[in-house]
Amino acid sequence: MSGRLRGQRELERRLHAIDKPRTLLREVQIRAVAEAKARVARKTGHTARTIAAGALGDRFAIVQAAGA
């Protein structure tokens, strides 16, 4: 016997949306690097040049700066 779960369509849509979290986190990471470079204080520009994307996992994205 095959039946349909109430809310199954919505559940499937949500599960599909989080299927590839790494893609979303990579986009957030890229935007965070750009925003950090735009907001960093400028004296010599060294810190802005060292802001870069770090490690990326399924549950985290790191943005790092080495010139502080």
Protein backbone atom coordinates (compact mmCIF):
# COMPACT_ATOMS: atom_id res chain seq x y z
CA MET A 1 0.00 0.00 0.00
CA SER A 2 1.43 3.31 -1.06
CA GLY A 3 0.27 6.46 0.69
CA ARG A 4 1.38 10.05 0.78
CA LEU A 5 2.56 11.78 3.89
CA ARG A 6 0.85 15.05 4.68
CA GLY A 7 3.37 17.82 3.93
CA GLN A 8 5.59 15.47 1.94
CA ARG A 9 5.97 17.89 -0.96
CA GLU A 10 7.10 20.70 1.36
CA LEU A 11 9.47 18.37 3.19
CA GLU A 12 11.02 17.16 -0.06
CA ARG A 13 11.49 20.76 -1.19
CA ARG A 14 13.26 21.67 2.07
CA LEU A 15 15.48 18.61 1.96
CA HIS A 16 16.41 19.37 -1.63
CA ALA A 17 17.27 22.98 -0.69
CA ILE A 18 19.83 21.85 1.91
CA ASP A 19 21.15 18.98 -0.19
CA LYS A 20 24.36 20.83 -1.02
CA PRO A 21 25.19 23.18 1.90
CA ARG A 22 28.79 23.54 0.75
CA THR A 23 27.69 25.48 -2.34
CA LEU A 24 25.77 27.97 -0.22
CA LEU A 25 28.59 28.29 2.30
CA ARG A 26 31.11 28.92 -0.50
CA GLU A 27 28.94 31.78 -1.77
CA VAL A 28 28.67 33.24 1.74
CA GLN A 29 32.44 32.89 2.16
CA ILE A 30 33.17 34.73 -1.10
CA ARG A 31 30.82 37.55 -0.18
CA ALA A 32 32.29 37.79 3.33
CA VAL A 33 35.81 38.14 1.91
CA ALA A 34 34.66 40.91 -0.43
CA GLU A 35 32.84 42.71 2.39
CA ALA A 36 35.80 42.41 4.76
CA LYS A 37 38.15 43.82 2.11
CA ALA A 38 35.77 46.73 1.53
CA ARG A 39 35.45 47.55 5.27
CA VAL A 40 39.02 47.08 6.51
CA ALA A 41 40.87 50.21 7.63
CA ARG A 42 43.35 51.39 5.00
CA LYS A 43 46.77 52.67 5.95
CA THR A 44 49.19 50.49 4.00
CA GLY A 45 46.68 48.05 2.47
CA HIS A 46 48.57 45.02 3.78
CA THR A 47 45.68 43.66 5.85
CA ALA A 48 43.24 43.98 2.94
CA ARG A 49 45.61 42.02 0.70
CA THR A 50 45.83 39.17 3.21
CA ILE A 51 42.07 38.67 3.67
CA ALA A 52 41.24 35.37 2.02
CA ALA A 53 38.91 32.39 2.11
CA GLY A 54 40.07 29.70 4.50
CA ALA A 55 38.80 26.20 5.09
CA LEU A 56 35.37 25.19 3.86
CA GLY A 57 33.31 22.31 5.19
CA ASP A 58 29.73 21.14 5.09
CA ARG A 59 28.94 23.14 8.27
CA PHE A 60 31.47 25.99 8.29
CA ALA A 61 33.31 28.54 6.15
CA ILE A 62 36.36 30.43 7.41
CA VAL A 63 37.51 33.88 6.34
CA GLN A 64 40.99 34.75 7.56
CA ALA A 65 43.37 37.70 7.58
CA ALA A 66 47.08 37.33 8.17
CA GLY A 67 48.22 40.96 8.18
CA ALA A 68 46.57 42.32 11.30
